C-alpha atoms as a PDB file:
ATOM      1  CA  MET A   1      20.305  21.372  17.244  1.00  0.00           C
ATOM      2  CA  LYS A   2      17.086  20.538  15.409  1.00  0.00           C
ATOM      3  CA  ASN A   3      19.050  20.130  12.156  1.00  0.00           C
ATOM      4  CA  LEU A   4      21.461  17.707  13.841  1.00  0.00           C
ATOM      5  CA  LEU A   5      18.580  15.635  15.259  1.00  0.00           C
ATOM      6  CA  ASN A   6      16.900  15.593  11.839  1.00  0.00           C
ATOM      7  CA  GLN A   7      20.181  14.504  10.264  1.00  0.00           C
ATOM      8  CA  ILE A   8      20.664  11.757  12.859  1.00  0.00           C
ATOM      9  CA  LEU A   9      17.118  10.534  12.167  1.00  0.00           C
ATOM     10  CA  LYS A  10      17.774  10.423   8.405  1.00  0.00           C
ATOM     11  CA  PHE A  11      21.101   8.699   9.028  1.00  0.00           C
ATOM     12  CA  GLY A  12      19.276   6.156  11.190  1.00  0.00           C
ATOM     13  CA  ILE A  13      16.676   5.425   8.519  1.00  0.00           C
ATOM     14  CA  VAL A  14      19.324   5.004   5.813  1.00  0.00           C
ATOM     15  CA  GLY A  15      21.405   2.942   8.238  1.00  0.00           C
ATOM     16  CA  LEU A  16      18.485   0.681   9.103  1.00  0.00           C
ATOM     17  CA  PHE A  17      17.803   0.019   5.424  1.00  0.00           C
ATOM     18  CA  CYS A  18      21.487  -0.751   4.839  1.00  0.00           C
ATOM     19  CA  PHE A  19      21.602  -2.874   7.984  1.00  0.00           C
ATOM     20  CA  PHE A  20      18.982  -5.173   6.465  1.00  0.00           C
ATOM     21  CA  ILE A  21      21.069  -5.456   3.300  1.00  0.00           C
ATOM     22  CA  ASP A  22      24.244  -6.213   5.289  1.00  0.00           C
ATOM     23  CA  PHE A  23      22.512  -8.541   7.743  1.00  0.00           C
ATOM     24  CA  GLY A  24      20.664 -10.410   4.993  1.00  0.00           C
ATOM     25  CA  ILE A  25      23.790 -10.989   2.943  1.00  0.00           C
ATOM     26  CA  THR A  26      25.936 -11.884   5.964  1.00  0.00           C
ATOM     27  CA  THR A  27      23.547 -14.310   7.589  1.00  0.00           C
ATOM     28  CA  GLY A  28      22.214 -15.684   4.303  1.00  0.00           C
ATOM     29  CA  LEU A  29      25.651 -16.575   2.987  1.00  0.00           C
ATOM     30  CA  ALA A  30      26.990 -17.844   6.320  1.00  0.00           C
ATOM     31  CA  ASN A  31      23.957 -19.692   7.624  1.00  0.00           C
ATOM     32  CA  PHE A  32      22.352 -21.017   4.433  1.00  0.00           C
ATOM     33  CA  PHE A  33      25.276 -21.405   2.041  1.00  0.00           C
ATOM     34  CA  GLY A  34      28.084 -22.232   4.479  1.00  0.00           C
ATOM     35  CA  VAL A  35      30.305 -19.301   3.478  1.00  0.00           C
ATOM     36  CA  HIS A  36      32.786 -18.377   6.231  1.00  0.00           C
ATOM     37  CA  TYR A  37      31.291 -15.673   8.449  1.00  0.00           C
ATOM     38  CA  LEU A  38      34.172 -13.199   7.921  1.00  0.00           C
ATOM     39  CA  PHE A  39      33.882 -13.405   4.128  1.00  0.00           C
ATOM     40  CA  SER A  40      30.078 -13.187   4.363  1.00  0.00           C
ATOM     41  CA  LYS A  41      30.399 -10.102   6.566  1.00  0.00           C
ATOM     42  CA  PHE A  42      32.924  -8.615   4.152  1.00  0.00           C
ATOM     43  CA  LEU A  43      30.511  -8.947   1.206  1.00  0.00           C
ATOM     44  CA  GLY A  44      27.535  -7.709   3.209  1.00  0.00           C
ATOM     45  CA  PHE A  45      29.493  -4.713   4.468  1.00  0.00           C
ATOM     46  CA  VAL A  46      30.844  -3.722   1.050  1.00  0.00           C
ATOM     47  CA  ILE A  47      27.486  -3.923  -0.704  1.00  0.00           C
ATOM     48  CA  SER A  48      25.612  -2.126   2.074  1.00  0.00           C
ATOM     49  CA  SER A  49      28.345   0.545   2.243  1.00  0.00           C
ATOM     50  CA  VAL A  50      27.922   1.420  -1.434  1.00  0.00           C
ATOM     51  CA  VAL A  51      24.150   1.680  -0.979  1.00  0.00           C
ATOM     52  CA  ASN A  52      24.700   3.695   2.210  1.00  0.00           C
ATOM     53  CA  TYR A  53      27.025   6.098   0.393  1.00  0.00           C
ATOM     54  CA  LEU A  54      24.529   6.707  -2.401  1.00  0.00           C
ATOM     55  CA  LEU A  55      21.626   7.237  -0.020  1.00  0.00           C
ATOM     56  CA  SER A  56      23.669   9.345   2.419  1.00  0.00           C
ATOM     57  CA  ILE A  57      24.856  11.821  -0.210  1.00  0.00           C
ATOM     58  CA  LYS A  58      21.305  12.083  -1.517  1.00  0.00           C
ATOM     59  CA  PHE A  59      19.358  12.316   1.761  1.00  0.00           C
ATOM     60  CA  VAL A  60      21.602  12.785   4.825  1.00  0.00           C
ATOM     61  CA  PHE A  61      24.743  14.856   4.429  1.00  0.00           C
ATOM     62  CA  THR A  62      25.256  18.207   2.733  1.00  0.00           C
ATOM     63  CA  LYS A  63      28.062  17.862   0.205  1.00  0.00           C
ATOM     64  CA  LYS A  64      31.177  19.971   0.623  1.00  0.00           C
ATOM     65  CA  LYS A  65      31.081  22.413  -2.289  1.00  0.00           C
ATOM     66  CA  GLU A  66      34.860  22.625  -2.604  1.00  0.00           C
ATOM     67  CA  MET A  67      35.261  18.829  -2.866  1.00  0.00           C
ATOM     68  CA  ASP A  68      34.934  17.090  -6.219  1.00  0.00           C
ATOM     69  CA  GLN A  69      33.088  13.794  -6.399  1.00  0.00           C
ATOM     70  CA  LYS A  70      36.237  11.680  -7.001  1.00  0.00           C
ATOM     71  CA  LYS A  71      37.892  13.077  -3.886  1.00  0.00           C
ATOM     72  CA  GLU A  72      34.684  12.656  -1.895  1.00  0.00           C
ATOM     73  CA  PHE A  73      34.338   9.024  -2.983  1.00  0.00           C
ATOM     74  CA  THR A  74      38.028   8.358  -2.252  1.00  0.00           C
ATOM     75  CA  ILE A  75      37.598   9.694   1.286  1.00  0.00           C
ATOM     76  CA  PHE A  76      34.441   7.612   1.627  1.00  0.00           C
ATOM     77  CA  LEU A  77      36.359   4.490   0.544  1.00  0.00           C
ATOM     78  CA  ILE A  78      39.156   5.167   3.029  1.00  0.00           C
ATOM     79  CA  LEU A  79      36.656   5.717   5.848  1.00  0.00           C
ATOM     80  CA  SER A  80      34.791   2.576   4.782  1.00  0.00           C
ATOM     81  CA  ALA A  81      38.013   0.544   4.824  1.00  0.00           C
ATOM     82  CA  PHE A  82      38.506   1.517   8.477  1.00  0.00           C
ATOM     83  CA  GLY A  83      34.845   0.675   9.108  1.00  0.00           C
ATOM     84  CA  LEU A  84      35.344  -2.701   7.445  1.00  0.00           C
ATOM     85  CA  ALA A  85      38.368  -3.408   9.646  1.00  0.00           C
ATOM     86  CA  ILE A  86      36.343  -2.513  12.747  1.00  0.00           C
ATOM     87  CA  ASN A  87      33.463  -4.656  11.472  1.00  0.00           C
ATOM     88  CA  GLU A  88      35.637  -7.710  10.877  1.00  0.00           C
ATOM     89  CA  ALA A  89      37.434  -7.264  14.222  1.00  0.00           C
ATOM     90  CA  VAL A  90      34.155  -7.102  16.148  1.00  0.00           C
ATOM     91  CA  MET A  91      32.832 -10.198  14.336  1.00  0.00           C
ATOM     92  CA  PHE A  92      36.069 -12.061  15.104  1.00  0.00           C
ATOM     93  CA  LEU A  93      35.943 -11.013  18.762  1.00  0.00           C
ATOM     94  CA  CYS A  94      32.291 -12.014  19.118  1.00  0.00           C
ATOM     95  CA  ILE A  95      32.685 -15.414  17.490  1.00  0.00           C
ATOM     96  CA  ASP A  96      36.279 -16.640  17.710  1.00  0.00           C
ATOM     97  CA  VAL A  97      37.274 -15.009  20.988  1.00  0.00           C
ATOM     98  CA  VAL A  98      34.085 -14.971  23.057  1.00  0.00           C
ATOM     99  CA  TYR A  99      31.733 -17.607  21.617  1.00  0.00           C
ATOM    100  CA  LYS A 100      34.187 -20.343  20.666  1.00  0.00           C
ATOM    101  CA  ASN A 101      35.928 -20.086  24.042  1.00  0.00           C
ATOM    102  CA  SER A 102      32.760 -20.307  26.109  1.00  0.00           C
ATOM    103  CA  ALA A 103      31.189 -23.747  26.435  1.00  0.00           C
ATOM    104  CA  PRO A 104      28.192 -22.359  28.393  1.00  0.00           C
ATOM    105  CA  LEU A 105      27.524 -19.803  25.652  1.00  0.00           C
ATOM    106  CA  GLN A 106      27.802 -22.489  22.981  1.00  0.00           C
ATOM    107  CA  GLY A 107      25.247 -24.523  24.929  1.00  0.00           C
ATOM    108  CA  LEU A 108      22.802 -21.603  24.876  1.00  0.00           C
ATOM    109  CA  ILE A 109      23.319 -20.210  21.376  1.00  0.00           C
ATOM    110  CA  SER A 110      23.727 -21.989  18.046  1.00  0.00           C
ATOM    111  CA  ASP A 111      26.555 -21.120  15.666  1.00  0.00           C
ATOM    112  CA  SER A 112      24.152 -19.535  13.175  1.00  0.00           C
ATOM    113  CA  LEU A 113      22.485 -17.410  15.858  1.00  0.00           C
ATOM    114  CA  MET A 114      25.912 -16.253  17.028  1.00  0.00           C
ATOM    115  CA  VAL A 115      26.731 -15.091  13.491  1.00  0.00           C
ATOM    116  CA  SER A 116      23.523 -13.034  13.588  1.00  0.00           C
ATOM    117  CA  ILE A 117      24.339 -11.612  17.026  1.00  0.00           C
ATOM    118  CA  GLY A 118      27.894 -10.788  15.967  1.00  0.00           C
ATOM    119  CA  ALA A 119      26.590  -9.055  12.837  1.00  0.00           C
ATOM    120  CA  ILE A 120      24.233  -6.900  14.907  1.00  0.00           C
ATOM    121  CA  VAL A 121      26.950  -5.950  17.411  1.00  0.00           C
ATOM    122  CA  ALA A 122      29.441  -5.151  14.627  1.00  0.00           C
ATOM    123  CA  THR A 123      26.904  -3.038  12.770  1.00  0.00           C
ATOM    124  CA  GLY A 124      26.079  -1.051  15.903  1.00  0.00           C
ATOM    125  CA  VAL A 125      29.726  -0.260  16.594  1.00  0.00           C
ATOM    126  CA  VAL A 126      30.461   0.698  12.993  1.00  0.00           C
ATOM    127  CA  MET A 127      27.298   2.811  12.718  1.00  0.00           C
ATOM    128  CA  VAL A 128      28.629   5.188  15.379  1.00  0.00           C
ATOM    129  CA  TYR A 129      32.035   5.303  13.674  1.00  0.00           C
ATOM    130  CA  ASN A 130      30.407   5.952  10.261  1.00  0.00           C
ATOM    131  CA  PHE A 131      28.312   8.877  11.446  1.00  0.00           C
ATOM    132  CA  ILE A 132      31.174  10.606  13.228  1.00  0.00           C
ATOM    133  CA  SER A 133      33.766  10.031  10.501  1.00  0.00           C
ATOM    134  CA  ARG A 134      31.464  11.051   7.640  1.00  0.00           C
ATOM    135  CA  LYS A 135      30.314  14.127   9.488  1.00  0.00           C
ATOM    136  CA  LEU A 136      33.925  15.162  10.120  1.00  0.00           C
ATOM    137  CA  PHE A 137      35.395  14.381   6.716  1.00  0.00           C
ATOM    138  CA  LEU A 138      32.607  14.501   4.127  1.00  0.00           C
ATOM    139  CA  GLU A 139      30.062  17.073   5.227  1.00  0.00           C
ATOM    140  CA  ARG A 140      30.184  20.748   4.421  1.00  0.00           C
ATOM    141  CA  LYS A 141      31.020  22.767   7.528  1.00  0.00           C
END
């Protein structure tokens, strides 16, 4: 149990670092350069996922000995693609479904702040998915 808590803590630290990469790219591109929020989130997610992979294999998860690095990275990419789909869906739901259809919410929150809020919500949802999927498919049993 102590090992699992230690691993979750390490995963959280790596995840927090990668969150700042993802959040910075997403909000920077969307709010300061006018790039569409879904494309901004896509770029932020992809870049932070690569960094997350490198840091996770180094500091968080114990590599499966029977799995070669190409296979491991392929599985990581497949899992990340599902994470990206979840990420984009949550962003779309937050902004296009909830925010853009709620005049009171639009009166309280600016478009740029909503991109930031959507990015935080999406990251939280995908963080849980990432931990569970990587633990199941990439870690040595």
